[in-house]
Each structure stands twice: as C-alpha cells, then as structure tokens.
Amino acid sequence: MRLKRFVLSPPRAELHRRIEARFDRMIAAGALAEARALKGLDPALPSAKLLGLRQLWAVLDREVTLEEAIARAKTATRQYAKRQLTWFRHRMTDWLWIEAMDTREIVAQMLQHL
C-alpha cells in the first residue's frame, strides 16, 4: 500500500475570516498589554517578529490608531498565510490538496483517493 499525503487548505475566504476573528480575539484578550510588556525587545530576536507585534508597538508609539494597527496586522497575517500556502504548493507538488472546512467533506475527499 502506498502512502497518501494530503494538504488541508481551507478556502481562502474562510482562511481570511478566521485570521480576522483570531486577531480580534487576541485584541479582546489583552494583546495590546502584552505588546506593551514586550516593548523594548531587541527587534532582531525571533520573538520580536510575532505577527501583529510591530503594528501594536506603533499604537503604543502613537504612530497609528488601534483600528489602523489591527487592519495592518490582519493584512500582514493574510500575507504570511499566502506565503505559507505558496511554500506548500512548491514543495508538496505531489500531495493531494483538499480545500474544505467540514470534517465530513475532508474525510470524504480523502476516502476518494484511497
């Protein structure tokens, strides 16, 4: 039996919706306070490259409004997700791609390939 390899890739609109909802939850849970606690972190450190952190630091520095920072952070996160998908597409060319969200639909598509 040959191994089957799958990439689960949500539809783009759903991925964007989830990114936006997740960042909204992060803000509601205190992301700005966490960004404040990390202020002064060496920008060269990997932890200083957290998605959304630079945008929230810009709020603390009074360079942008919170609303603008949130919009920019969401855009940066969508761009990062797009780069990840591009990376997967170029390196997993022989993998089977499933673009579905519903677990039953994912399983059904997988079973079709077995």
PDB file of N, CA and C in Angstrom:
ATOM      1  N   MET A   1       0.836  -1.172   0.000  1.00  0.00           N
ATOM      2  CA  MET A   1       0.000   0.000   0.000  1.00  0.00           C
ATOM      3  C   MET A   1       0.889   1.246   0.000  1.00  0.00           C
ATOM      4  N   ARG A   2       0.591   2.161  -0.871  1.00  0.00           N
ATOM      5  CA  ARG A   2       1.364   3.392  -0.998  1.00  0.00           C
ATOM      6  C   ARG A   2       0.805   4.459  -0.060  1.00  0.00           C
ATOM      7  N   LEU A   3       1.683   5.195   0.546  1.00  0.00           N
ATOM      8  CA  LEU A   3       1.300   6.266   1.457  1.00  0.00           C
ATOM      9  C   LEU A   3       0.647   7.401   0.672  1.00  0.00           C
ATOM     10  N   LYS A   4      -0.466   7.893   1.181  1.00  0.00           N
ATOM     11  CA  LYS A   4      -1.143   9.042   0.577  1.00  0.00           C
ATOM     12  C   LYS A   4      -0.862  10.251   1.449  1.00  0.00           C
ATOM     13  N   ARG A   5      -0.510  11.353   0.806  1.00  0.00           N
ATOM     14  CA  ARG A   5      -0.200  12.572   1.543  1.00  0.00           C
ATOM     15  C   ARG A   5      -1.180  13.668   1.132  1.00  0.00           C
ATOM     16  N   PHE A   6      -1.685  14.364   2.133  1.00  0.00           N
ATOM     17  CA  PHE A   6      -2.698  15.387   1.909  1.00  0.00           C
ATOM     18  C   PHE A   6      -2.269  16.713   2.514  1.00  0.00           C
ATOM     19  N   VAL A   7      -2.687  17.782   1.886  1.00  0.00           N
ATOM     20  CA  VAL A   7      -2.564  19.120   2.442  1.00  0.00           C
ATOM     21  C   VAL A   7      -3.989  19.613   2.651  1.00  0.00           C
ATOM     22  N   LEU A   8      -4.312  19.963   3.880  1.00  0.00           N
ATOM     23  CA  LEU A   8      -5.623  20.529   4.177  1.00  0.00           C
ATOM     24  C   LEU A   8      -5.512  22.038   4.065  1.00  0.00           C
ATOM     25  N   SER A   9      -6.228  22.584   3.111  1.00  0.00           N
ATOM     26  CA  SER A   9      -6.153  24.008   2.835  1.00  0.00           C
ATOM     27  C   SER A   9      -7.562  24.581   2.840  1.00  0.00           C
ATOM     28  N   PRO A  10      -7.878  25.399   3.833  1.00  0.00           N
ATOM     29  CA  PRO A  10      -9.229  25.961   3.868  1.00  0.00           C
ATOM     30  C   PRO A  10      -9.451  26.901   2.687  1.00  0.00           C
ATOM     31  N   PRO A  11     -10.683  27.037   2.251  1.00  0.00           N
ATOM     32  CA  PRO A  11     -10.958  28.016   1.194  1.00  0.00           C
ATOM     33  C   PRO A  11     -10.461  29.399   1.645  1.00  0.00           C
ATOM     34  N   ARG A  12      -9.959  30.164   0.702  1.00  0.00           N
ATOM     35  CA  ARG A  12      -9.324  31.448   1.017  1.00  0.00           C
ATOM     36  C   ARG A  12     -10.231  32.369   1.839  1.00  0.00           C
ATOM     37  N   ALA A  13     -11.497  32.473   1.461  1.00  0.00           N
ATOM     38  CA  ALA A  13     -12.410  33.364   2.197  1.00  0.00           C
ATOM     39  C   ALA A  13     -12.546  32.918   3.653  1.00  0.00           C
ATOM     40  N   GLU A  14     -12.600  31.614   3.875  1.00  0.00           N
ATOM     41  CA  GLU A  14     -12.708  31.093   5.241  1.00  0.00           C
ATOM     42  C   GLU A  14     -11.416  31.340   6.013  1.00  0.00           C
ATOM     43  N   LEU A  15     -10.285  31.158   5.354  1.00  0.00           N
ATOM     44  CA  LEU A  15      -8.999  31.425   5.988  1.00  0.00           C
ATOM     45  C   LEU A  15      -8.923  32.890   6.420  1.00  0.00           C
ATOM     46  N   HIS A  16      -9.316  33.792   5.542  1.00  0.00           N
ATOM     47  CA  HIS A  16      -9.296  35.221   5.879  1.00  0.00           C
ATOM     48  C   HIS A  16     -10.244  35.528   7.034  1.00  0.00           C
ATOM     49  N   ARG A  17     -11.419  34.924   7.023  1.00  0.00           N
ATOM     50  CA  ARG A  17     -12.382  35.142   8.106  1.00  0.00           C
ATOM     51  C   ARG A  17     -11.787  34.687   9.437  1.00  0.00           C
ATOM     52  N   ARG A  18     -11.132  33.534   9.426  1.00  0.00           N
ATOM     53  CA  ARG A  18     -10.539  33.004  10.656  1.00  0.00           C
ATOM     54  C   ARG A  18      -9.383  33.870  11.155  1.00  0.00           C
ATOM     55  N   ILE A  19      -8.581  34.368  10.230  1.00  0.00           N
ATOM     56  CA  ILE A  19      -7.472  35.250  10.602  1.00  0.00           C
ATOM     57  C   ILE A  19      -8.020  36.495  11.292  1.00  0.00           C
ATOM     58  N   GLU A  20      -9.045  37.091  10.701  1.00  0.00           N
ATOM     59  CA  GLU A  20      -9.623  38.306  11.275  1.00  0.00           C
ATOM     60  C   GLU A  20     -10.237  38.029  12.648  1.00  0.00           C
ATOM     61  N   ALA A  21     -10.983  36.947  12.755  1.00  0.00           N
ATOM     62  CA  ALA A  21     -11.620  36.615  14.030  1.00  0.00           C
ATOM     63  C   ALA A  21     -10.576  36.324  15.102  1.00  0.00           C
ATOM     64  N   ARG A  22      -9.509  35.646  14.729  1.00  0.00           N
ATOM     65  CA  ARG A  22      -8.466  35.311  15.701  1.00  0.00           C
ATOM     66  C   ARG A  22      -7.787  36.568  16.217  1.00  0.00           C
ATOM     67  N   PHE A  23      -7.480  37.494  15.309  1.00  0.00           N
ATOM     68  CA  PHE A  23      -6.820  38.711  15.775  1.00  0.00           C
ATOM     69  C   PHE A  23      -7.756  39.538  16.652  1.00  0.00           C
ATOM     70  N   ASP A  24      -9.024  39.570  16.304  1.00  0.00           N
ATOM     71  CA  ASP A  24      -9.999  40.275  17.149  1.00  0.00           C
ATOM     72  C   ASP A  24     -10.049  39.669  18.555  1.00  0.00           C
ATOM     73  N   ARG A  25      -9.995  38.332  18.627  1.00  0.00           N
ATOM     74  CA  ARG A  25      -9.983  37.669  19.940  1.00  0.00           C
ATOM     75  C   ARG A  25      -8.705  37.998  20.706  1.00  0.00           C
ATOM     76  N   MET A  26      -7.591  38.067  19.994  1.00  0.00           N
ATOM     77  CA  MET A  26      -6.322  38.401  20.645  1.00  0.00           C
ATOM     78  C   MET A  26      -6.374  39.815  21.238  1.00  0.00           C
ATOM     79  N   ILE A  27      -6.936  40.746  20.485  1.00  0.00           N
ATOM     80  CA  ILE A  27      -7.056  42.116  20.986  1.00  0.00           C
ATOM     81  C   ILE A  27      -7.953  42.132  22.223  1.00  0.00           C
ATOM     82  N   ALA A  28      -9.080  41.450  22.149  1.00  0.00           N
ATOM     83  CA  ALA A  28     -10.019  41.404  23.274  1.00  0.00           C
ATOM     84  C   ALA A  28      -9.391  40.745  24.506  1.00  0.00           C
ATOM     85  N   ALA A  29      -8.463  39.829  24.279  1.00  0.00           N
ATOM     86  CA  ALA A  29      -7.831  39.106  25.389  1.00  0.00           C
ATOM     87  C   ALA A  29      -6.610  39.834  25.960  1.00  0.00           C
ATOM     88  N   GLY A  30      -6.281  41.015  25.415  1.00  0.00           N
ATOM     89  CA  GLY A  30      -5.187  41.785  26.001  1.00  0.00           C
ATOM     90  C   GLY A  30      -3.898  41.829  25.209  1.00  0.00           C
ATOM     91  N   ALA A  31      -3.966  41.671  23.897  1.00  0.00           N
ATOM     92  CA  ALA A  31      -2.743  41.688  23.084  1.00  0.00           C
ATOM     93  C   ALA A  31      -1.993  43.010  23.190  1.00  0.00           C
ATOM     94  N   LEU A  32      -2.728  44.114  23.333  1.00  0.00           N
ATOM     95  CA  LEU A  32      -2.046  45.408  23.438  1.00  0.00           C
ATOM     96  C   LEU A  32      -1.225  45.479  24.725  1.00  0.00           C
ATOM     97  N   ALA A  33      -1.752  44.950  25.811  1.00  0.00           N
ATOM     98  CA  ALA A  33      -1.000  44.919  27.070  1.00  0.00           C
ATOM     99  C   ALA A  33       0.233  44.024  26.938  1.00  0.00           C
ATOM    100  N   GLU A  34       0.091  42.916  26.226  1.00  0.00           N
ATOM    101  CA  GLU A  34       1.244  42.041  26.008  1.00  0.00           C
ATOM    102  C   GLU A  34       2.297  42.741  25.171  1.00  0.00           C
ATOM    103  N   ALA A  35       1.844  43.480  24.142  1.00  0.00           N
ATOM    104  CA  ALA A  35       2.782  44.234  23.307  1.00  0.00           C
ATOM    105  C   ALA A  35       3.514  45.276  24.147  1.00  0.00           C
ATOM    106  N   ARG A  36       2.797  45.900  25.061  1.00  0.00           N
ATOM    107  CA  ARG A  36       3.407  46.897  25.951  1.00  0.00           C
ATOM    108  C   ARG A  36       4.500  46.227  26.797  1.00  0.00           C
ATOM    109  N   ALA A  37       4.227  45.042  27.287  1.00  0.00           N
ATOM    110  CA  ALA A  37       5.194  44.316  28.122  1.00  0.00           C
ATOM    111  C   ALA A  37       6.437  43.918  27.321  1.00  0.00           C
ATOM    112  N   LEU A  38       6.280  43.756  26.011  1.00  0.00           N
ATOM    113  CA  LEU A  38       7.400  43.360  25.158  1.00  0.00           C
ATOM    114  C   LEU A  38       8.123  44.559  24.539  1.00  0.00           C
ATOM    115  N   LYS A  39       7.628  45.747  24.812  1.00  0.00           N
ATOM    116  CA  LYS A  39       8.242  46.960  24.249  1.00  0.00           C
ATOM    117  C   LYS A  39       9.693  47.028  24.694  1.00  0.00           C
ATOM    118  N   GLY A  40      10.572  47.356  23.780  1.00  0.00           N
ATOM    119  CA  GLY A  40      11.995  47.421  24.094  1.00  0.00           C
ATOM    120  C   GLY A  40      12.732  46.136  23.769  1.00  0.00           C
ATOM    121  N   LEU A  41      11.994  45.128  23.364  1.00  0.00           N
ATOM    122  CA  LEU A  41      12.609  43.860  22.962  1.00  0.00           C
ATOM    123  C   LEU A  41      13.491  44.106  21.739  1.00  0.00           C
ATOM    124  N   ASP A  42      14.622  43.462  21.683  1.00  0.00           N
ATOM    125  CA  ASP A  42      15.528  43.610  20.544  1.00  0.00           C
ATOM    126  C   ASP A  42      14.795  43.176  19.268  1.00  0.00           C
ATOM    127  N   PRO A  43      14.638  44.086  18.290  1.00  0.00           N
ATOM    128  CA  PRO A  43      13.901  43.750  17.069  1.00  0.00           C
ATOM    129  C   PRO A  43      14.526  42.619  16.267  1.00  0.00           C
ATOM    130  N   ALA A  44      15.783  42.290  16.527  1.00  0.00           N
ATOM    131  CA  ALA A  44      16.439  41.210  15.792  1.00  0.00           C
ATOM    132  C   ALA A  44      16.050  39.824  16.324  1.00  0.00           C
ATOM    133  N   LEU A  45      15.478  39.778  17.509  1.00  0.00           N
ATOM    134  CA  LEU A  45      15.090  38.489  18.095  1.00  0.00           C
ATOM    135  C   LEU A  45      13.875  37.917  17.378  1.00  0.00           C
ATOM    136  N   PRO A  46      13.819  36.606  17.225  1.00  0.00           N
ATOM    137  CA  PRO A  46      12.641  35.987  16.590  1.00  0.00           C
ATOM    138  C   PRO A  46      11.331  36.355  17.279  1.00  0.00           C
ATOM    139  N   SER A  47      11.346  36.476  18.591  1.00  0.00           N
ATOM    140  CA  SER A  47      10.114  36.802  19.320  1.00  0.00           C
ATOM    141  C   SER A  47       9.615  38.206  18.991  1.00  0.00           C
ATOM    142  N   ALA A  48      10.479  39.079  18.505  1.00  0.00           N
ATOM    143  CA  ALA A  48      10.071  40.433  18.134  1.00  0.00           C
ATOM    144  C   ALA A  48       9.396  40.448  16.759  1.00  0.00           C
ATOM    145  N   LYS A  49       9.393  39.306  16.106  1.00  0.00           N
ATOM    146  CA  LYS A  49       8.800  39.221  14.771  1.00  0.00           C
ATOM    147  C   LYS A  49       7.408  38.593  14.799  1.00  0.00           C
ATOM    148  N   LEU A  50       6.816  38.511  15.977  1.00  0.00           N
ATOM    149  CA  LEU A  50       5.464  37.967  16.099  1.00  0.00           C
ATOM    150  C   LEU A  50       4.504  38.757  15.219  1.00  0.00           C
ATOM    151  N   LEU A  51       3.627  38.047  14.548  1.00  0.00           N
ATOM    152  CA  LEU A  51       2.654  38.724  13.704  1.00  0.00           C
ATOM    153  C   LEU A  51       1.797  39.670  14.542  1.00  0.00           C
ATOM    154  N   GLY A  52       1.743  40.918  14.123  1.00  0.00           N
ATOM    155  CA  GLY A  52       0.938  41.909  14.809  1.00  0.00           C
ATOM    156  C   GLY A  52       1.692  42.722  15.847  1.00  0.00           C
ATOM    157  N   LEU A  53       2.826  42.242  16.289  1.00  0.00           N
ATOM    158  CA  LEU A  53       3.546  42.937  17.360  1.00  0.00           C
ATOM    159  C   LEU A  53       4.027  44.318  16.923  1.00  0.00           C
ATOM    160  N   ARG A  54       4.653  44.413  15.760  1.00  0.00           N
ATOM    161  CA  ARG A  54       5.139  45.714  15.293  1.00  0.00           C
ATOM    162  C   ARG A  54       3.991  46.705  15.128  1.00  0.00           C
ATOM    163  N   GLN A  55       2.857  46.208  14.643  1.00  0.00           N
ATOM    164  CA  GLN A  55       1.700  47.077  14.461  1.00  0.00           C
ATOM    165  C   GLN A  55       1.185  47.592  15.807  1.00  0.00           C
ATOM    166  N   LEU A  56       1.192  46.733  16.818  1.00  0.00           N
ATOM    167  CA  LEU A  56       0.737  47.157  18.143  1.00  0.00           C
ATOM    168  C   LEU A  56       1.748  48.090  18.804  1.00  0.00           C
ATOM    169  N   TRP A  57       3.029  47.872  18.542  1.00  0.00           N
ATOM    170  CA  TRP A  57       4.028  48.814  19.038  1.00  0.00           C
ATOM    171  C   TRP A  57       3.806  50.194  18.423  1.00  0.00           C
ATOM    172  N   ALA A  58       3.380  50.237  17.166  1.00  0.00           N
ATOM    173  CA  ALA A  58       3.113  51.525  16.510  1.00  0.00           C
ATOM    174  C   ALA A  58       1.980  52.267  17.218  1.00  0.00           C
ATOM    175  N   VAL A  59       1.019  51.531  17.755  1.00  0.00           N
ATOM    176  CA  VAL A  59      -0.058  52.160  18.543  1.00  0.00           C
ATOM    177  C   VAL A  59       0.536  52.760  19.807  1.00  0.00           C
ATOM    178  N   LEU A  60       1.377  51.993  20.486  1.00  0.00           N
ATOM    179  CA  LEU A  60       1.982  52.470  21.730  1.00  0.00           C
ATOM    180  C   LEU A  60       2.877  53.691  21.494  1.00  0.00           C
ATOM    181  N   ASP A  61       3.471  53.762  20.303  1.00  0.00           N
ATOM    182  CA  ASP A  61       4.315  54.906  19.950  1.00  0.00           C
ATOM    183  C   ASP A  61       3.490  56.060  19.371  1.00  0.00           C
ATOM    184  N   ARG A  62       2.168  55.889  19.351  1.00  0.00           N
ATOM    185  CA  ARG A  62       1.233  56.906  18.839  1.00  0.00           C
ATOM    186  C   ARG A  62       1.465  57.241  17.371  1.00  0.00           C
ATOM    187  N   GLU A  63       1.923  56.239  16.614  1.00  0.00           N
ATOM    188  CA  GLU A  63       2.141  56.420  15.176  1.00  0.00           C
ATOM    189  C   GLU A  63       0.872  56.140  14.381  1.00  0.00           C
ATOM    190  N   VAL A  64       0.025  55.237  14.894  1.00  0.00           N
ATOM    191  CA  VAL A  64      -1.232  54.861  14.233  1.00  0.00           C
ATOM    192  C   VAL A  64      -2.294  54.639  15.303  1.00  0.00           C
ATOM    193  N   THR A  65      -3.537  54.613  14.860  1.00  0.00           N
ATOM    194  CA  THR A  65      -4.625  54.285  15.782  1.00  0.00           C
ATOM    195  C   THR A  65      -4.681  52.778  15.966  1.00  0.00           C
ATOM    196  N   LEU A  66      -5.376  52.358  16.990  1.00  0.00           N
ATOM    197  CA  LEU A  66      -5.543  50.926  17.217  1.00  0.00           C
ATOM    198  C   LEU A  66      -6.250  50.279  16.033  1.00  0.00           C
ATOM    199  N   GLU A  67      -7.262  50.953  15.498  1.00  0.00           N
ATOM    200  CA  GLU A  67      -8.010  50.404  14.359  1.00  0.00           C
ATOM    201  C   GLU A  67      -7.094  50.201  13.147  1.00  0.00           C
ATOM    202  N   GLU A  68      -6.227  51.183  12.885  1.00  0.00           N
ATOM    203  CA  GLU A  68      -5.290  51.064  11.762  1.00  0.00           C
ATOM    204  C   GLU A  68      -4.292  49.935  12.010  1.00  0.00           C
ATOM    205  N   ALA A  69      -3.808  49.823  13.228  1.00  0.00           N
ATOM    206  CA  ALA A  69      -2.867  48.752  13.561  1.00  0.00           C
ATOM    207  C   ALA A  69      -3.521  47.383  13.386  1.00  0.00           C
ATOM    208  N   ILE A  70      -4.764  47.265  13.807  1.00  0.00           N
ATOM    209  CA  ILE A  70      -5.476  45.994  13.660  1.00  0.00           C
ATOM    210  C   ILE A  70      -5.613  45.644  12.184  1.00  0.00           C
ATOM    211  N   ALA A  71      -5.995  46.623  11.371  1.00  0.00           N
ATOM    212  CA  ALA A  71      -6.132  46.373   9.929  1.00  0.00           C
ATOM    213  C   ALA A  71      -4.794  45.956   9.322  1.00  0.00           C
ATOM    214  N   ARG A  72      -3.727  46.626   9.706  1.00  0.00           N
ATOM    215  CA  ARG A  72      -2.396  46.289   9.176  1.00  0.00           C
ATOM    216  C   ARG A  72      -1.936  44.908   9.639  1.00  0.00           C
ATOM    217  N   ALA A  73      -2.208  44.583  10.879  1.00  0.00           N
ATOM    218  CA  ALA A  73      -1.809  43.276  11.403  1.00  0.00           C
ATOM    219  C   ALA A  73      -2.568  42.155  10.698  1.00  0.00           C
ATOM    220  N   LYS A  74      -3.840  42.368  10.447  1.00  0.00           N
ATOM    221  CA  LYS A  74      -4.634  41.364   9.738  1.00  0.00           C
ATOM    222  C   LYS A  74      -4.108  41.187   8.315  1.00  0.00           C
ATOM    223  N   THR A  75      -3.760  42.290   7.673  1.00  0.00           N
ATOM    224  CA  THR A  75      -3.198  42.212   6.322  1.00  0.00           C
ATOM    225  C   THR A  75      -1.879  41.450   6.341  1.00  0.00           C
ATOM    226  N   ALA A  76      -1.020  41.767   7.294  1.00  0.00           N
ATOM    227  CA  ALA A  76       0.272  41.082   7.400  1.00  0.00           C
ATOM    228  C   ALA A  76       0.079  39.590   7.637  1.00  0.00           C
ATOM    229  N   THR A  77      -0.915  39.233   8.427  1.00  0.00           N
ATOM    230  CA  THR A  77      -1.175  37.820   8.716  1.00  0.00           C
ATOM    231  C   THR A  77      -1.699  37.106   7.475  1.00  0.00           C
ATOM    232  N   ARG A  78      -2.586  37.761   6.721  1.00  0.00           N
ATOM    233  CA  ARG A  78      -3.080  37.167   5.468  1.00  0.00           C
ATOM    234  C   ARG A  78      -1.929  36.965   4.487  1.00  0.00           C
ATOM    235  N   GLN A  79      -1.022  37.941   4.410  1.00  0.00           N
ATOM    236  CA  GLN A  79       0.132  37.824   3.520  1.00  0.00           C
ATOM    237  C   GLN A  79       1.042  36.674   3.944  1.00  0.00           C
ATOM    238  N   TYR A  80       1.222  36.510   5.240  1.00  0.00           N
ATOM    239  CA  TYR A  80       2.039  35.409   5.752  1.00  0.00           C
ATOM    240  C   TYR A  80       1.403  34.067   5.394  1.00  0.00           C
ATOM    241  N   ALA A  81       0.083  33.973   5.580  1.00  0.00           N
ATOM    242  CA  ALA A  81      -0.621  32.731   5.238  1.00  0.00           C
ATOM    243  C   ALA A  81      -0.484  32.427   3.753  1.00  0.00           C
ATOM    244  N   LYS A  82      -0.547  33.450   2.929  1.00  0.00           N
ATOM    245  CA  LYS A  82      -0.394  33.249   1.483  1.00  0.00           C
ATOM    246  C   LYS A  82       1.010  32.729   1.157  1.00  0.00           C
ATOM    247  N   ARG A  83       2.027  33.282   1.815  1.00  0.00           N
ATOM    248  CA  ARG A  83       3.396  32.794   1.600  1.00  0.00           C
ATOM    249  C   ARG A  83       3.536  31.336   2.026  1.00  0.00           C
ATOM    250  N   GLN A  84       2.885  30.984   3.131  1.00  0.00           N
ATOM    251  CA  GLN A  84       2.930  29.586   3.583  1.00  0.00           C
ATOM    252  C   GLN A  84       2.312  28.665   2.532  1.00  0.00           C
ATOM    253  N   LEU A  85       1.149  29.044   2.017  1.00  0.00           N
ATOM    254  CA  LEU A  85       0.489  28.210   1.006  1.00  0.00           C
ATOM    255  C   LEU A  85       1.338  28.102  -0.254  1.00  0.00           C
ATOM    256  N   THR A  86       1.985  29.189  -0.640  1.00  0.00           N
ATOM    257  CA  THR A  86       2.874  29.154  -1.808  1.00  0.00           C
ATOM    258  C   THR A  86       4.027  28.196  -1.550  1.00  0.00           C
ATOM    259  N   TRP A  87       4.583  28.247  -0.360  1.00  0.00           N
ATOM    260  CA  TRP A  87       5.682  27.350   0.004  1.00  0.00           C
ATOM    261  C   TRP A  87       5.218  25.894  -0.106  1.00  0.00           C
ATOM    262  N   PHE A  88       4.035  25.605   0.459  1.00  0.00           N
ATOM    263  CA  PHE A  88       3.495  24.240   0.384  1.00  0.00           C
ATOM    264  C   PHE A  88       3.300  23.815  -1.069  1.00  0.00           C
ATOM    265  N   ARG A  89       2.743  24.674  -1.895  1.00  0.00           N
ATOM    266  CA  ARG A  89       2.469  24.325  -3.291  1.00  0.00           C
ATOM    267  C   ARG A  89       3.747  23.983  -4.054  1.00  0.00           C
ATOM    268  N   HIS A  90       4.833  24.694  -3.755  1.00  0.00           N
ATOM    269  CA  HIS A  90       6.082  24.449  -4.467  1.00  0.00           C
ATOM    270  C   HIS A  90       6.843  23.235  -3.944  1.00  0.00           C
ATOM    271  N   ARG A  91       6.612  22.872  -2.713  1.00  0.00           N
ATOM    272  CA  ARG A  91       7.358  21.755  -2.140  1.00  0.00           C
ATOM    273  C   ARG A  91       6.548  20.475  -1.998  1.00  0.00           C
ATOM    274  N   MET A  92       5.273  20.575  -2.119  1.00  0.00           N
ATOM    275  CA  MET A  92       4.406  19.409  -1.960  1.00  0.00           C
ATOM    276  C   MET A  92       3.566  19.226  -3.222  1.00  0.00           C
ATOM    277  N   THR A  93       4.268  19.249  -4.342  1.00  0.00           N
ATOM    278  CA  THR A  93       3.571  19.214  -5.630  1.00  0.00           C
ATOM    279  C   THR A  93       2.844  17.906  -5.874  1.00  0.00           C
ATOM    280  N   ASP A  94       3.310  16.837  -5.274  1.00  0.00           N
ATOM    281  CA  ASP A  94       2.664  15.542  -5.481  1.00  0.00           C
ATOM    282  C   ASP A  94       1.672  15.188  -4.368  1.00  0.00           C
ATOM    283  N   TRP A  95       1.452  16.092  -3.449  1.00  0.00           N
ATOM    284  CA  TRP A  95       0.480  15.868  -2.382  1.00  0.00           C
ATOM    285  C   TRP A  95      -0.910  16.187  -2.909  1.00  0.00           C
ATOM    286  N   LEU A  96      -1.899  15.574  -2.323  1.00  0.00           N
ATOM    287  CA  LEU A  96      -3.289  15.832  -2.701  1.00  0.00           C
ATOM    288  C   LEU A  96      -3.829  16.978  -1.847  1.00  0.00           C
ATOM    289  N   TRP A  97      -4.341  17.997  -2.504  1.00  0.00           N
ATOM    290  CA  TRP A  97      -4.843  19.178  -1.810  1.00  0.00           C
ATOM    291  C   TRP A  97      -6.337  19.048  -1.587  1.00  0.00           C
ATOM    292  N   ILE A  98      -6.747  19.309  -0.366  1.00  0.00           N
ATOM    293  CA  ILE A  98      -8.169  19.292  -0.023  1.00  0.00           C
ATOM    294  C   ILE A  98      -8.525  20.677   0.493  1.00  0.00           C
ATOM    295  N   GLU A  99      -9.390  21.338  -0.254  1.00  0.00           N
ATOM    296  CA  GLU A  99      -9.825  22.681   0.136  1.00  0.00           C
ATOM    297  C   GLU A  99     -11.254  22.589   0.651  1.00  0.00           C
ATOM    298  N   ALA A 100     -11.352  22.235   1.910  1.00  0.00           N
ATOM    299  CA  ALA A 100     -12.667  22.090   2.547  1.00  0.00           C
ATOM    300  C   ALA A 100     -12.516  22.419   4.022  1.00  0.00           C
ATOM    301  N   MET A 101     -13.634  22.736   4.647  1.00  0.00           N
ATOM    302  CA  MET A 101     -13.626  23.044   6.077  1.00  0.00           C
ATOM    303  C   MET A 101     -14.360  21.987   6.884  1.00  0.00           C
ATOM    304  N   ASP A 102     -15.403  21.447   6.329  1.00  0.00           N
ATOM    305  CA  ASP A 102     -16.238  20.481   7.020  1.00  0.00           C
ATOM    306  C   ASP A 102     -15.492  19.151   7.158  1.00  0.00           C
ATOM    307  N   THR A 103     -15.428  18.633   8.364  1.00  0.00           N
ATOM    308  CA  THR A 103     -14.691  17.393   8.621  1.00  0.00           C
ATOM    309  C   THR A 103     -15.194  16.253   7.757  1.00  0.00           C
ATOM    310  N   ARG A 104     -16.499  16.147   7.611  1.00  0.00           N
ATOM    311  CA  ARG A 104     -17.058  15.062   6.784  1.00  0.00           C
ATOM    312  C   ARG A 104     -16.622  15.198   5.336  1.00  0.00           C
ATOM    313  N   GLU A 105     -16.596  16.423   4.841  1.00  0.00           N
ATOM    314  CA  GLU A 105     -16.158  16.661   3.460  1.00  0.00           C
ATOM    315  C   GLU A 105     -14.682  16.320   3.296  1.00  0.00           C
ATOM    316  N   ILE A 106     -13.872  16.674   4.277  1.00  0.00           N
ATOM    317  CA  ILE A 106     -12.437  16.352   4.229  1.00  0.00           C
ATOM    318  C   ILE A 106     -12.261  14.836   4.176  1.00  0.00           C
ATOM    319  N   VAL A 107     -12.926  14.128   5.070  1.00  0.00           N
ATOM    320  CA  VAL A 107     -12.808  12.662   5.113  1.00  0.00           C
ATOM    321  C   VAL A 107     -13.310  12.057   3.818  1.00  0.00           C
ATOM    322  N   ALA A 108     -14.428  12.549   3.306  1.00  0.00           N
ATOM    323  CA  ALA A 108     -14.976  12.021   2.056  1.00  0.00           C
ATOM    324  C   ALA A 108     -13.980  12.185   0.918  1.00  0.00           C
ATOM    325  N   GLN A 109     -13.357  13.340   0.836  1.00  0.00           N
ATOM    326  CA  GLN A 109     -12.365  13.567  -0.230  1.00  0.00           C
ATOM    327  C   GLN A 109     -11.156  12.681  -0.054  1.00  0.00           C
ATOM    328  N   MET A 110     -10.722  12.480   1.179  1.00  0.00           N
ATOM    329  CA  MET A 110      -9.587  11.595   1.434  1.00  0.00           C
ATOM    330  C   MET A 110      -9.924  10.157   1.013  1.00  0.00           C
ATOM    331  N   LEU A 111     -11.097   9.723   1.375  1.00  0.00           N
ATOM    332  CA  LEU A 111     -11.500   8.342   1.044  1.00  0.00           C
ATOM    333  C   LEU A 111     -11.577   8.128  -0.461  1.00  0.00           C
ATOM    334  N   GLN A 112     -11.913   9.148  -1.214  1.00  0.00           N
ATOM    335  CA  GLN A 112     -11.954   9.028  -2.675  1.00  0.00           C
ATOM    336  C   GLN A 112     -10.599   8.678  -3.255  1.00  0.00           C
ATOM    337  N   HIS A 113      -9.536   9.068  -2.548  1.00  0.00           N
ATOM    338  CA  HIS A 113      -8.188   8.861  -3.059  1.00  0.00           C
ATOM    339  C   HIS A 113      -7.531   7.585  -2.530  1.00  0.00           C
ATOM    340  N   LEU A 114      -8.237   6.846  -1.708  1.00  0.00           N
ATOM    341  CA  LEU A 114      -7.671   5.612  -1.151  1.00  0.00           C
ATOM    342  C   LEU A 114      -8.040   4.416  -1.981  1.00  0.00           C
TER     343      LEU A 114
END
